[in-house]
């Protein structure tokens, strides 16, 4: 459970939950599919020491309502815009993870005046390839399979098997990325959450991979300072997608955390904070430096 108190905003009769902590330049953290503000782990508290941190649970996720309806990137972006309007925040740095990266880029496309700078973390929208699980979620019949896979019985037996591996001292230690993926997947056992997940996934992914791409809009990002952080062991969305931005966006900086998975903010929390804070400080005090790519 989160240590941060969640606040509420009613939009179109639905309740959006969000974190609003800290003082300083505003930062909006946008989580990914099946995620919530908790997907940012210790980053909220770290960042709140120097920044005002806004971390919503997007509609269909976390503790926010899960209405039936539009779960497109544009709909999520409009929700974030409405939240900023409510909080009287004219513009902010956007940090988007996975689906949240796509939403953050959609913010840059639809509401460019709202985005001061952009940090994409293992982001969607930069290439076609995604994990087989996400592709399978778009297929007919996945509504019937997902609740079985996420059932208490399956989860209990899987966790028991993993615990047995530990008792046998076999070389298996789940990473924070794997643990967060497993925790998030368990939420699809809830019917409204499952419906929202399928609607969000099918809005951006098809049987052959991602169906929405930001590459045709890269020219709009030319004047925005951008940082990409990726896990070198990301099996959900491979780090090779970062090359698309590095080639096309002159102000981009790419950081590959060699040992991290799909959640580099959890696998390498101290390094993640250090790199992000350096990016934020640099762009608050000086011109954008030439693009570079770093593997750590």
Protein backbone atom coordinates (compact mmCIF):
# COMPACT_ATOMS: atom_id res chain seq x y z
CA UNK A 1 0.00 0.00 0.00
CA UNK A 2 1.12 3.54 -0.71
CA UNK A 3 2.42 5.73 2.07
CA UNK A 4 1.07 8.77 0.22
CA UNK A 5 -2.43 10.07 0.86
CA UNK A 6 -4.53 9.97 -2.28
CA UNK A 7 -6.66 12.96 -3.20
CA UNK A 8 -9.80 12.83 -5.31
CA UNK A 9 -11.12 14.70 -8.31
CA UNK A 10 -14.51 14.05 -9.88
CA UNK A 11 -14.43 14.25 -13.68
CA UNK A 12 -17.63 13.53 -15.61
CA UNK A 13 -19.09 11.77 -12.54
CA UNK A 14 -16.07 9.46 -12.17
CA UNK A 15 -13.52 9.71 -9.35
CA UNK A 16 -9.84 10.11 -10.22
CA UNK A 17 -7.35 9.42 -7.43
CA UNK A 18 -3.95 11.08 -7.41
CA UNK A 19 -0.91 11.95 -5.31
CA UNK A 20 0.08 15.59 -4.92
CA UNK A 21 3.13 16.02 -2.68
CA UNK A 22 6.18 18.24 -2.39
CA UNK A 23 7.01 21.79 -3.41
CA UNK A 24 8.96 23.13 -6.36
CA UNK A 25 8.79 22.72 -10.13
CA UNK A 26 5.91 20.37 -11.00
CA UNK A 27 6.49 16.84 -12.29
CA UNK A 28 3.69 14.57 -13.54
CA UNK A 29 4.39 10.83 -13.24
CA UNK A 30 2.24 8.76 -15.61
CA UNK A 31 2.18 5.01 -14.97
CA UNK A 32 1.65 2.18 -17.45
CA UNK A 33 -0.87 -0.60 -18.09
CA UNK A 34 -2.20 -2.24 -14.91
CA UNK A 35 -0.09 0.19 -12.93
CA UNK A 36 -0.86 2.97 -10.49
CA UNK A 37 1.03 5.64 -8.55
CA UNK A 38 2.60 2.71 -6.67
CA UNK A 39 4.48 1.72 -9.85
CA UNK A 40 6.88 4.58 -9.10
CA UNK A 41 8.01 2.99 -5.84
CA UNK A 42 10.42 5.24 -3.91
CA UNK A 43 10.65 7.85 -6.67
CA UNK A 44 7.68 9.85 -5.39
CA UNK A 45 9.26 10.45 -1.99
CA UNK A 46 12.70 11.08 -3.49
CA UNK A 47 11.42 13.62 -6.00
CA UNK A 48 9.09 15.33 -3.52
CA UNK A 49 12.12 16.68 -1.65
CA UNK A 50 12.78 19.14 -4.49
CA UNK A 51 9.73 19.05 -6.75
CA UNK A 52 5.96 19.06 -6.65
CA UNK A 53 5.04 15.54 -7.67
CA UNK A 54 1.68 14.71 -9.27
CA UNK A 55 1.07 10.97 -9.71
CA UNK A 56 -2.44 10.00 -10.83
CA UNK A 57 -4.03 6.60 -10.88
CA UNK A 58 -5.36 6.77 -14.43
CA UNK A 59 -9.00 5.87 -14.94
CA UNK A 60 -9.29 2.08 -15.05
CA UNK A 61 -6.25 1.68 -12.80
CA UNK A 62 -5.32 1.66 -9.15
CA UNK A 63 -7.88 3.25 -6.86
CA UNK A 64 -9.51 5.43 -9.53
CA UNK A 65 -12.90 4.53 -10.96
CA UNK A 66 -13.07 2.06 -13.83
CA UNK A 67 -15.85 3.33 -16.08
CA UNK A 68 -16.77 1.76 -19.37
CA UNK A 69 -15.82 3.98 -22.26
CA UNK A 70 -12.83 5.49 -24.03
CA UNK A 71 -9.37 4.34 -22.92
CA UNK A 72 -7.41 5.73 -25.85
CA UNK A 73 -4.19 7.67 -25.44
CA UNK A 74 -6.10 10.87 -26.21
CA UNK A 75 -8.70 10.15 -23.52
CA UNK A 76 -6.01 9.52 -20.91
CA UNK A 77 -4.15 12.67 -22.02
CA UNK A 78 -7.33 14.73 -21.69
CA UNK A 79 -7.79 13.38 -18.15
CA UNK A 80 -4.26 14.44 -17.21
CA UNK A 81 -4.88 17.86 -18.78
CA UNK A 82 -8.06 18.23 -16.69
CA UNK A 83 -6.14 17.25 -13.55
CA UNK A 84 -3.50 19.91 -14.28
CA UNK A 85 -6.25 22.46 -14.82
CA UNK A 86 -7.81 21.52 -11.48
CA UNK A 87 -4.44 21.88 -9.73
CA UNK A 88 -3.72 25.18 -11.48
CA UNK A 89 -0.53 23.80 -13.06
CA UNK A 90 0.04 25.45 -16.42
CA UNK A 91 2.97 23.22 -17.49
CA UNK A 92 5.16 20.48 -16.05
CA UNK A 93 7.82 17.92 -16.77
CA UNK A 94 6.20 14.64 -17.79
CA UNK A 95 7.70 11.30 -16.79
CA UNK A 96 5.82 8.48 -18.51
CA UNK A 97 6.39 4.75 -18.02
CA UNK A 98 5.32 2.19 -20.66
CA UNK A 99 1.76 3.18 -21.70
CA UNK A 100 2.35 6.34 -19.69
CA UNK A 101 5.12 7.23 -22.13
CA UNK A 102 2.63 7.08 -24.97
CA UNK A 103 0.22 9.24 -22.99
CA UNK A 104 2.98 11.75 -22.25
CA UNK A 105 3.87 11.96 -25.95
CA UNK A 106 0.18 12.40 -26.74
CA UNK A 107 0.15 15.29 -24.26
CA UNK A 108 3.07 16.81 -26.18
CA UNK A 109 1.11 16.42 -29.43
CA UNK A 110 -2.30 17.61 -28.22
CA UNK A 111 -1.35 20.08 -25.49
CA UNK A 112 2.26 21.17 -26.19
CA UNK A 113 1.95 24.22 -23.96
CA UNK A 114 1.50 21.85 -20.99
CA UNK A 115 4.81 20.00 -21.44
CA UNK A 116 8.06 21.64 -20.35
CA UNK A 117 10.26 18.57 -20.82
CA UNK A 118 9.76 14.86 -21.33
CA UNK A 119 11.17 11.71 -19.75
CA UNK A 120 10.10 8.43 -21.33
CA UNK A 121 10.70 5.27 -19.30
CA UNK A 122 10.50 1.93 -21.17
CA UNK A 123 7.94 3.72 -23.29
CA UNK A 124 5.34 2.47 -25.69
CA UNK A 125 4.75 4.18 -29.01
CA UNK A 126 8.32 4.00 -30.34
CA UNK A 127 8.29 0.70 -32.21
CA UNK A 128 6.14 -2.30 -33.07
CA UNK A 129 7.64 -5.03 -30.90
CA UNK A 130 6.05 -5.88 -27.53
CA UNK A 131 5.84 -8.97 -25.34
CA UNK A 132 3.68 -11.93 -26.47
CA UNK A 133 1.47 -11.38 -23.41
CA UNK A 134 0.34 -7.95 -24.63
CA UNK A 135 -0.30 -9.29 -28.12
CA UNK A 136 -2.35 -12.17 -26.70
CA UNK A 137 -4.46 -9.74 -24.67
CA UNK A 138 -5.82 -8.27 -27.90
CA UNK A 139 -7.08 -11.61 -29.22
CA UNK A 140 -10.74 -12.66 -29.01
CA UNK A 141 -11.40 -14.78 -25.96
CA UNK A 142 -8.75 -13.20 -23.76
CA UNK A 143 -11.60 -11.96 -21.55
CA UNK A 144 -12.16 -15.59 -20.57
CA UNK A 145 -8.52 -16.59 -20.14
CA UNK A 146 -7.24 -13.66 -18.09
CA UNK A 147 -9.40 -14.20 -14.99
CA UNK A 148 -8.29 -17.84 -14.84
CA UNK A 149 -4.60 -16.93 -15.08
CA UNK A 150 -5.00 -14.21 -12.46
CA UNK A 151 -7.14 -16.30 -10.10
CA UNK A 152 -6.16 -16.79 -6.49
CA UNK A 153 -5.61 -20.52 -7.10
CA UNK A 154 -3.12 -19.98 -9.94
CA UNK A 155 -1.33 -17.22 -8.08
CA UNK A 156 -1.07 -19.21 -4.85
CA UNK A 157 0.35 -22.24 -6.64
CA UNK A 158 2.78 -20.17 -8.69
CA UNK A 159 4.02 -18.37 -5.60
CA UNK A 160 4.37 -21.70 -3.79
CA UNK A 161 6.46 -23.07 -6.64
CA UNK A 162 8.72 -20.01 -6.57
CA UNK A 163 9.08 -20.31 -2.82
CA UNK A 164 10.09 -23.97 -3.26
CA UNK A 165 12.84 -22.90 -5.66
CA UNK A 166 14.12 -20.59 -2.96
CA UNK A 167 14.09 -23.31 -0.34
CA UNK A 168 16.07 -25.55 -2.70
CA UNK A 169 18.58 -22.70 -3.05
CA UNK A 170 18.20 -22.69 -6.79
CA UNK A 171 19.49 -19.54 -8.52
CA UNK A 172 16.15 -17.77 -8.80
CA UNK A 173 15.56 -14.32 -7.39
CA UNK A 174 12.70 -12.27 -8.85
CA UNK A 175 13.70 -8.73 -9.73
CA UNK A 176 11.62 -5.74 -8.59
CA UNK A 177 10.44 -5.50 -12.23
CA UNK A 178 9.19 -9.10 -12.15
CA UNK A 179 7.56 -8.62 -8.77
CA UNK A 180 5.74 -5.47 -9.88
CA UNK A 181 4.61 -7.12 -13.12
CA UNK A 182 3.25 -10.08 -11.14
CA UNK A 183 1.51 -7.82 -8.62
CA UNK A 184 -0.06 -5.71 -11.35
CA UNK A 185 -1.22 -8.74 -13.31
CA UNK A 186 -3.16 -9.92 -10.27
CA UNK A 187 -5.47 -6.92 -10.56
CA UNK A 188 -7.11 -8.28 -13.74
CA UNK A 189 -8.95 -10.80 -11.55
CA UNK A 190 -11.26 -7.85 -10.86
CA UNK A 191 -13.80 -7.57 -13.70
CA UNK A 192 -13.92 -3.75 -14.08
CA UNK A 193 -10.11 -3.58 -13.95
CA UNK A 194 -9.86 -6.37 -16.53
CA UNK A 195 -12.26 -4.58 -18.87
CA UNK A 196 -10.29 -1.33 -18.54
CA UNK A 197 -7.00 -3.15 -19.13
CA UNK A 198 -8.30 -4.82 -22.29
CA UNK A 199 -9.71 -1.53 -23.60
CA UNK A 200 -6.42 0.29 -22.94
CA UNK A 201 -4.29 -2.51 -24.40
CA UNK A 202 -6.41 -2.90 -27.52
CA UNK A 203 -6.24 0.84 -28.14
CA UNK A 204 -2.49 0.62 -28.72
CA UNK A 205 -1.60 -3.04 -29.38
CA UNK A 206 -2.74 -5.62 -31.93
CA UNK A 207 -1.85 -9.26 -32.66
CA UNK A 208 1.25 -8.08 -34.55
CA UNK A 209 2.45 -5.61 -31.95
CA UNK A 210 1.97 -1.92 -31.23
CA UNK A 211 -0.49 -0.19 -33.54
CA UNK A 212 0.14 3.39 -32.40
CA UNK A 213 3.43 5.11 -33.17
CA UNK A 214 4.74 8.54 -32.27
CA UNK A 215 7.46 8.50 -34.91
CA UNK A 216 5.43 10.50 -37.43
CA UNK A 217 5.18 13.29 -34.84
CA UNK A 218 8.84 13.47 -33.88
CA UNK A 219 9.21 16.82 -35.60
CA UNK A 220 6.93 18.28 -32.94
CA UNK A 221 9.34 17.17 -30.21
CA UNK A 222 12.36 19.00 -31.66
CA UNK A 223 12.21 21.86 -29.19
CA UNK A 224 11.46 19.76 -26.11
CA UNK A 225 14.27 18.45 -23.94
CA UNK A 226 13.78 14.70 -23.68
CA UNK A 227 15.32 11.91 -21.65
CA UNK A 228 14.80 8.21 -22.33
CA UNK A 229 15.49 5.64 -19.61
CA UNK A 230 15.30 1.96 -20.47
CA UNK A 231 16.12 -1.35 -18.88
CA UNK A 232 18.59 -3.36 -20.92
CA UNK A 233 16.73 -6.53 -19.90
CA UNK A 234 13.27 -5.24 -20.68
CA UNK A 235 11.28 -8.12 -22.21
CA UNK A 236 7.99 -6.20 -22.29
CA UNK A 237 9.16 -3.40 -24.62
CA UNK A 238 12.77 -3.84 -25.82
CA UNK A 239 15.34 -1.11 -25.31
CA UNK A 240 16.07 -1.03 -29.04
CA UNK A 241 13.00 1.21 -29.38
CA UNK A 242 15.00 4.02 -27.76
CA UNK A 243 17.13 4.21 -30.92
CA UNK A 244 14.12 5.58 -32.83
CA UNK A 245 14.09 8.68 -30.65
CA UNK A 246 17.86 9.02 -30.44
CA UNK A 247 18.07 9.17 -34.24
CA UNK A 248 15.15 11.51 -34.81
CA UNK A 249 15.00 13.92 -31.86
CA UNK A 250 18.09 16.12 -31.60
CA UNK A 251 17.49 17.10 -27.96
CA UNK A 252 17.14 13.56 -26.69
CA UNK A 253 19.36 11.84 -24.14
CA UNK A 254 19.22 8.04 -23.82
CA UNK A 255 20.21 6.09 -20.71
CA UNK A 256 20.21 2.28 -20.76
CA UNK A 257 20.36 0.61 -17.35
CA UNK A 258 22.01 -2.63 -18.38
CA UNK A 259 20.74 -4.83 -15.52
CA UNK A 260 17.22 -3.43 -15.26
CA UNK A 261 13.97 -4.80 -16.65
CA UNK A 262 10.71 -3.09 -17.59
CA UNK A 263 10.64 -1.04 -14.38
CA UNK A 264 14.07 0.66 -14.18
CA UNK A 265 12.67 3.03 -11.56
CA UNK A 266 12.29 -0.01 -9.29
CA UNK A 267 15.28 -2.13 -10.36
CA UNK A 268 17.76 0.76 -10.09
CA UNK A 269 15.98 3.32 -7.87
CA UNK A 270 19.03 5.33 -6.83
CA UNK A 271 20.48 5.49 -10.34
CA UNK A 272 17.07 6.34 -11.79
CA UNK A 273 16.61 9.23 -9.38
CA UNK A 274 20.14 10.51 -9.96
CA UNK A 275 19.78 10.51 -13.75
CA UNK A 276 16.32 12.07 -13.68
CA UNK A 277 17.29 14.73 -11.14
CA UNK A 278 20.36 15.63 -13.21
CA UNK A 279 18.18 15.98 -16.31
CA UNK A 280 15.67 18.15 -14.46
CA UNK A 281 18.36 20.34 -12.93
CA UNK A 282 20.20 20.76 -16.22
CA UNK A 283 17.12 21.82 -18.13
CA UNK A 284 16.08 24.19 -15.37
CA UNK A 285 19.40 26.03 -15.37
CA UNK A 286 20.98 25.82 -18.83
CA UNK A 287 20.49 25.04 -22.48
CA UNK A 288 19.97 21.49 -23.60
CA UNK A 289 23.19 19.59 -24.14
CA UNK A 290 23.89 17.63 -27.36
CA UNK A 291 22.28 14.15 -27.48
CA UNK A 292 24.19 11.22 -26.05
CA UNK A 293 23.57 7.60 -25.24
CA UNK A 294 24.84 5.98 -22.06
CA UNK A 295 24.72 2.33 -20.99
CA UNK A 296 25.11 1.82 -17.27
